[in-house]
Protein backbone atom coordinates (compact mmCIF):
# COMPACT_ATOMS: atom_id res chain seq x y z
CA MET A 1 0.00 0.00 0.00
CA VAL A 2 1.18 3.49 -0.83
CA SER A 3 -0.10 6.44 1.19
CA PRO A 4 -0.63 9.96 -0.15
CA ARG A 5 2.10 12.53 0.43
CA GLY A 6 1.11 16.14 0.78
CA GLY A 7 -2.33 15.39 -0.67
CA CYS A 8 -0.89 13.73 -3.79
CA MET A 9 -0.53 10.10 -4.73
CA PRO A 10 3.22 9.43 -5.24
CA VAL A 11 3.16 7.69 -8.61
CA ASP A 12 6.85 6.73 -8.53
CA ALA A 13 6.28 4.94 -5.22
CA MET A 14 3.17 3.22 -6.60
CA VAL A 15 5.01 1.97 -9.66
CA SER A 16 8.01 0.79 -7.65
CA ARG A 17 5.74 -1.33 -5.42
CA ILE A 18 4.30 -3.37 -8.33
CA ASP A 19 5.92 -6.80 -8.13
CA ALA A 20 5.23 -10.43 -9.04
CA ARG A 21 2.63 -10.71 -6.25
CA THR A 22 0.61 -7.68 -7.42
CA ARG A 23 -2.73 -8.58 -9.00
CA VAL A 24 -4.43 -5.17 -9.10
CA VAL A 25 -3.38 -1.54 -8.82
CA THR A 26 -5.95 1.03 -7.79
CA ALA A 27 -5.60 4.78 -8.01
CA PRO A 28 -7.91 7.78 -7.68
CA THR A 29 -8.17 10.14 -10.62
CA VAL A 30 -8.43 12.97 -8.08
CA THR A 31 -7.70 12.86 -4.35
CA PHE A 32 -10.62 13.62 -2.04
CA ALA A 33 -8.84 16.49 -0.33
CA PRO A 34 -7.23 18.71 -1.53
CA GLY A 35 -8.35 17.49 -4.96
CA PHE A 36 -5.02 16.91 -6.71
CA ARG A 37 -4.99 14.83 -9.90
CA THR A 38 -3.15 11.52 -9.96
CA GLU A 39 -0.94 10.75 -12.96
CA ILE A 40 -3.01 7.71 -13.90
CA ASP A 41 -1.39 7.54 -17.35
CA ARG A 42 1.93 6.61 -15.75
CA VAL A 43 0.35 4.11 -13.38
CA GLY A 44 -1.69 2.58 -16.20
CA HIS A 45 1.33 2.17 -18.45
CA ALA A 46 3.41 0.56 -15.68
CA ARG A 47 0.73 -1.90 -14.69
CA ARG A 48 0.04 -2.85 -18.32
CA GLU A 49 3.74 -3.69 -18.82
CA ARG A 50 3.47 -6.06 -15.85
CA GLY A 51 0.10 -7.63 -16.75
CA VAL A 52 -1.68 -6.27 -13.66
CA PHE A 53 -5.33 -5.18 -13.46
CA PHE A 54 -6.00 -1.45 -13.02
CA MET A 55 -8.96 -0.20 -10.99
CA ILE A 56 -9.54 3.53 -11.35
CA ASP A 57 -11.45 5.37 -8.61
CA ALA A 58 -13.23 8.21 -10.41
CA ALA A 59 -15.67 9.10 -7.61
CA GLN A 60 -14.26 12.61 -7.22
CA SER A 61 -13.96 13.36 -10.94
CA CYS A 62 -16.77 11.51 -12.70
CA GLY A 63 -18.54 13.95 -14.99
CA VAL A 64 -15.86 16.61 -14.52
CA LEU A 65 -12.72 15.11 -16.07
CA ARG A 66 -12.77 13.38 -19.42
CA PHE A 67 -11.10 10.00 -19.77
CA SER A 68 -11.80 6.69 -21.43
CA LEU A 69 -11.55 3.37 -19.64
CA HIS A 70 -10.43 1.83 -22.91
CA VAL A 71 -7.30 3.98 -22.79
CA TYR A 72 -6.35 2.49 -19.42
CA ASN A 73 -7.82 -1.00 -19.73
CA THR A 74 -7.54 -3.04 -22.89
CA PRO A 75 -10.47 -5.13 -24.12
CA ARG A 76 -8.56 -8.21 -22.88
CA ASP A 77 -8.36 -6.70 -19.37
CA ILE A 78 -12.12 -6.25 -19.37
CA GLU A 79 -12.63 -9.84 -20.60
CA ARG A 80 -10.40 -11.15 -17.80
CA VAL A 81 -12.44 -9.28 -15.18
CA LEU A 82 -15.67 -10.72 -16.58
CA GLU A 83 -14.18 -14.23 -16.48
CA LEU A 84 -13.51 -13.79 -12.75
CA THR A 85 -17.09 -12.84 -11.90
C-alpha cells in the first residue's frame, strides 16, 4: 500500500511497489482532499507492462474530467475481469 504525500498520490512509489505478487493496482483520478490529480497515465502504463489489473477510482472526478476506460484497460483486461465474476 502506498499512502498519499502532501495530498498527492506518489506515482513513482506506486510503480516501484508493483511486483510479481501484485494482481491489481488502484488509483484515484483525483484525491478527495485537496483534490489533486493523480498521474493515472503513468500508473496505467506501468501496470500494463506487468500484466496487472488497473482499478480507477473516479468518484471525485466523474462527470468533470474526461477520460476513457479503454485507454487504461484493454479489451482483454475487461474480458479477464468478466471471467472472474
